[in-house]
N, C-alpha and C. Protein backbone atom coordinates (compact mmCIF):
# COMPACT_ATOMS: atom_id res chain seq x y z
N MET A 1 -18.63 229.05 48.00
CA MET A 1 -19.01 229.23 49.05
C MET A 1 -20.23 229.85 49.49
N PRO A 2 -20.92 229.27 50.53
CA PRO A 2 -22.27 229.51 50.91
C PRO A 2 -22.81 230.93 51.00
N ALA A 3 -23.81 231.36 50.60
CA ALA A 3 -24.50 232.56 50.76
C ALA A 3 -24.38 233.25 52.50
N LYS A 4 -24.14 234.36 52.35
CA LYS A 4 -24.40 234.97 53.78
C LYS A 4 -25.67 235.33 53.78
N LEU A 5 -26.32 234.39 54.77
CA LEU A 5 -27.39 233.90 55.37
C LEU A 5 -27.73 234.58 56.98
N THR A 6 -28.62 235.50 57.03
CA THR A 6 -28.77 235.57 58.75
C THR A 6 -30.17 235.13 58.99
N LEU A 7 -30.38 234.80 60.24
CA LEU A 7 -31.84 234.74 60.58
C LEU A 7 -32.99 235.43 60.24
N GLU A 8 -32.35 236.77 59.93
CA GLU A 8 -33.51 237.94 59.79
C GLU A 8 -33.78 237.60 58.15
N ASP A 9 -32.71 236.93 57.55
CA ASP A 9 -33.07 236.92 56.02
C ASP A 9 -33.97 235.68 56.07
N VAL A 10 -33.88 234.62 56.89
CA VAL A 10 -34.49 233.42 56.68
C VAL A 10 -35.81 233.90 57.31
N ARG A 11 -36.20 234.77 58.32
CA ARG A 11 -37.44 235.15 58.72
C ARG A 11 -38.32 235.86 57.65
N ALA A 12 -37.54 236.58 56.85
CA ALA A 12 -38.13 237.26 55.62
C ALA A 12 -38.51 236.58 54.72
N GLN A 13 -37.47 235.47 54.26
CA GLN A 13 -38.06 234.72 53.17
C GLN A 13 -39.36 233.62 53.55
N VAL A 14 -39.56 233.23 54.68
CA VAL A 14 -40.43 232.51 55.29
C VAL A 14 -41.79 233.40 55.41
N ALA A 15 -41.84 234.46 55.91
CA ALA A 15 -42.73 235.49 55.98
C ALA A 15 -43.15 235.65 54.61
N GLU A 16 -42.52 235.93 53.56
CA GLU A 16 -42.67 236.00 52.09
C GLU A 16 -43.69 234.73 51.62
N LEU A 17 -43.16 233.55 52.04
CA LEU A 17 -44.10 232.57 51.51
C LEU A 17 -45.25 232.47 52.08
N LEU A 18 -45.44 233.01 53.23
CA LEU A 18 -46.55 232.72 54.00
C LEU A 18 -47.58 233.90 53.95
N PHE A 19 -47.08 235.07 52.99
CA PHE A 19 -47.66 236.44 53.26
C PHE A 19 -48.01 236.84 54.37
N GLU A 20 -47.06 237.01 55.04
CA GLU A 20 -46.92 237.20 56.78
C GLU A 20 -46.08 238.34 56.73
N ASP A 21 -46.19 239.55 57.69
CA ASP A 21 -45.15 240.43 58.30
C ASP A 21 -44.32 239.57 59.04
N PRO A 22 -42.70 239.99 58.50
CA PRO A 22 -41.50 238.99 59.30
C PRO A 22 -41.82 239.33 60.57
N ALA A 23 -41.95 240.56 61.17
CA ALA A 23 -42.19 240.81 62.65
C ALA A 23 -43.50 239.89 63.34
N GLU A 24 -43.90 239.53 62.55
CA GLU A 24 -45.10 238.75 63.20
C GLU A 24 -44.53 237.00 63.47
N LEU A 25 -43.63 236.91 62.92
CA LEU A 25 -43.06 235.24 63.49
C LEU A 25 -41.83 235.24 64.16
N ALA A 26 -42.30 234.64 65.59
CA ALA A 26 -41.28 234.44 66.47
C ALA A 26 -40.47 233.44 66.22
N ASP A 27 -39.27 233.51 66.91
CA ASP A 27 -38.19 232.57 66.62
C ASP A 27 -38.77 231.04 67.00
N ASP A 28 -39.69 231.12 68.23
CA ASP A 28 -40.02 229.77 68.69
C ASP A 28 -41.55 229.18 68.16
N GLU A 29 -42.02 229.84 67.50
CA GLU A 29 -43.13 229.48 67.02
C GLU A 29 -43.11 228.36 65.93
N GLU A 30 -44.26 227.41 65.83
CA GLU A 30 -44.21 226.32 64.95
C GLU A 30 -44.89 227.04 63.45
N LEU A 31 -43.73 226.89 62.58
CA LEU A 31 -44.28 227.70 61.32
C LEU A 31 -45.43 226.79 60.59
N ILE A 32 -45.69 225.37 60.84
CA ILE A 32 -46.55 224.55 60.35
C ILE A 32 -48.05 225.43 60.97
N ASP A 33 -48.32 225.81 62.18
CA ASP A 33 -49.27 226.52 62.51
C ASP A 33 -49.66 227.83 61.63
N TRP A 34 -48.77 228.35 60.95
CA TRP A 34 -48.83 229.45 60.21
C TRP A 34 -48.98 229.25 58.89
N GLY A 35 -49.26 227.91 58.46
CA GLY A 35 -49.63 227.58 57.36
C GLY A 35 -48.45 227.06 56.30
N LEU A 36 -47.17 226.93 56.87
CA LEU A 36 -46.16 226.36 56.14
C LEU A 36 -46.53 225.02 55.88
N ASP A 37 -46.07 224.42 54.54
CA ASP A 37 -46.49 223.03 54.34
C ASP A 37 -45.17 222.60 53.61
N SER A 38 -45.15 221.43 53.03
CA SER A 38 -43.97 220.91 52.58
C SER A 38 -43.39 221.26 51.42
N VAL A 39 -44.32 221.92 50.65
CA VAL A 39 -43.94 222.56 49.33
C VAL A 39 -43.33 223.63 49.43
N ARG A 40 -43.64 224.67 50.41
CA ARG A 40 -42.87 225.73 50.75
C ARG A 40 -41.83 225.44 51.32
N VAL A 41 -41.58 224.20 52.05
CA VAL A 41 -40.36 224.04 52.61
C VAL A 41 -39.48 223.53 51.65
N MET A 42 -39.85 223.04 50.75
CA MET A 42 -38.85 222.59 49.43
C MET A 42 -38.47 223.58 48.60
N THR A 43 -39.70 224.57 48.53
CA THR A 43 -39.21 225.95 47.78
C THR A 43 -37.76 226.64 48.69
N LEU A 44 -37.59 226.82 49.84
CA LEU A 44 -36.74 227.29 50.85
C LEU A 44 -35.57 226.21 50.71
N VAL A 45 -35.72 224.93 50.70
CA VAL A 45 -34.34 224.49 50.59
C VAL A 45 -33.69 224.41 49.22
N GLU A 46 -34.64 224.58 48.01
CA GLU A 46 -33.80 224.73 46.82
C GLU A 46 -33.50 226.03 46.66
N GLN A 47 -33.92 227.28 47.08
CA GLN A 47 -33.41 228.57 47.14
C GLN A 47 -32.08 228.57 47.86
N TRP A 48 -32.14 228.42 49.17
CA TRP A 48 -30.78 228.17 49.88
C TRP A 48 -29.65 227.42 49.37
N ARG A 49 -30.09 226.11 48.69
CA ARG A 49 -29.08 225.27 47.84
C ARG A 49 -28.64 225.83 46.87
N LYS A 50 -29.20 226.75 46.14
CA LYS A 50 -28.91 227.42 45.18
C LYS A 50 -27.86 228.61 45.24
N GLN A 51 -27.77 229.08 46.73
CA GLN A 51 -27.07 229.89 47.33
C GLN A 51 -25.89 229.26 48.04
N GLY A 52 -25.60 227.82 47.94
CA GLY A 52 -24.77 227.09 48.33
C GLY A 52 -24.60 226.72 49.60
N VAL A 53 -26.21 226.79 50.35
CA VAL A 53 -26.19 226.30 51.57
C VAL A 53 -26.71 224.77 51.77
N GLN A 54 -25.91 223.79 52.05
CA GLN A 54 -26.32 222.27 51.79
C GLN A 54 -27.30 222.05 53.18
N VAL A 55 -28.31 222.35 52.78
CA VAL A 55 -29.45 221.81 53.69
C VAL A 55 -30.61 220.79 53.01
N THR A 56 -30.99 219.97 53.84
CA THR A 56 -31.88 219.24 53.16
C THR A 56 -33.59 219.32 53.86
N PHE A 57 -34.39 218.75 53.01
CA PHE A 57 -35.88 218.76 53.66
C PHE A 57 -36.27 218.35 54.84
N ALA A 58 -35.43 217.21 55.09
CA ALA A 58 -35.63 216.61 56.43
C ALA A 58 -35.02 217.23 57.60
N ASP A 59 -34.02 218.01 57.37
CA ASP A 59 -33.34 219.06 58.24
C ASP A 59 -34.37 219.77 58.71
N LEU A 60 -35.11 220.67 58.15
CA LEU A 60 -35.95 221.40 58.26
C LEU A 60 -37.32 220.73 58.61
N ALA A 61 -37.80 219.95 58.13
CA ALA A 61 -39.12 219.37 58.31
C ALA A 61 -39.25 218.83 59.94
N GLU A 62 -38.15 218.26 60.58
CA GLU A 62 -38.02 217.71 61.58
C GLU A 62 -38.47 218.79 62.72
N ARG A 63 -37.88 219.95 62.41
CA ARG A 63 -37.96 221.17 63.54
C ARG A 63 -38.57 222.36 63.05
N PRO A 64 -39.58 222.44 62.81
CA PRO A 64 -40.22 223.72 62.02
C PRO A 64 -40.43 224.96 62.64
N THR A 65 -39.24 225.47 63.25
CA THR A 65 -39.67 226.90 63.79
C THR A 65 -38.26 227.52 63.41
N LEU A 66 -38.20 228.79 63.42
CA LEU A 66 -37.15 229.45 62.87
C LEU A 66 -35.96 229.30 63.82
N ALA A 67 -36.01 229.21 65.06
CA ALA A 67 -34.92 228.99 66.12
C ALA A 67 -34.29 227.80 65.57
N ASP A 68 -34.97 226.80 65.31
CA ASP A 68 -34.54 225.55 65.23
C ASP A 68 -34.03 225.23 63.87
N TRP A 69 -34.31 226.15 62.76
CA TRP A 69 -33.75 225.93 61.50
C TRP A 69 -32.30 226.92 61.47
N TRP A 70 -32.52 227.98 62.14
CA TRP A 70 -31.26 228.41 62.32
C TRP A 70 -30.06 227.99 62.89
N ALA A 71 -30.14 226.88 64.02
CA ALA A 71 -29.45 226.19 64.44
C ALA A 71 -28.98 225.22 63.47
N VAL A 72 -29.86 224.79 62.61
CA VAL A 72 -29.17 224.10 61.47
C VAL A 72 -28.41 224.93 60.17
N LEU A 73 -29.25 225.99 59.89
CA LEU A 73 -28.46 226.70 59.06
C LEU A 73 -27.02 227.62 59.44
N GLU A 74 -27.02 228.09 60.48
CA GLU A 74 -25.85 228.99 60.67
C GLU A 74 -24.62 228.21 60.61
N PRO A 75 -24.28 227.14 61.12
CA PRO A 75 -23.11 226.30 60.60
C PRO A 75 -22.63 226.29 59.14
N LYS A 76 -23.66 226.26 58.23
CA LYS A 76 -23.51 226.07 56.73
C LYS A 76 -23.22 227.27 55.90
N VAL A 77 -23.47 228.47 56.61
CA VAL A 77 -23.67 229.70 55.89
C VAL A 77 -22.50 230.60 56.06
N GLY A 78 -22.01 231.40 55.12
CA GLY A 78 -20.86 231.84 54.99
C GLY A 78 -20.82 233.40 55.87
N VAL A 79 -21.40 233.27 57.25
CA VAL A 79 -21.57 234.83 58.02
C VAL A 79 -20.49 234.94 58.66
């Protein structure tokens, strides 16, 4: 069963990789503008896969905002 992952968990994990305060990351901001790169996206993909969330790099790279990522992730997590 996939991990119980929330939007706030995703926000916190992204913020940690970017060395930012999670409160600073709005749902609709382009994460690329915050310095998110492909290596960091792959880090998140691998982390979530280990938790049982079936997501790919392409799923996330096409839509680099928290809101778009959550739209992809939410149906795949055991919320």
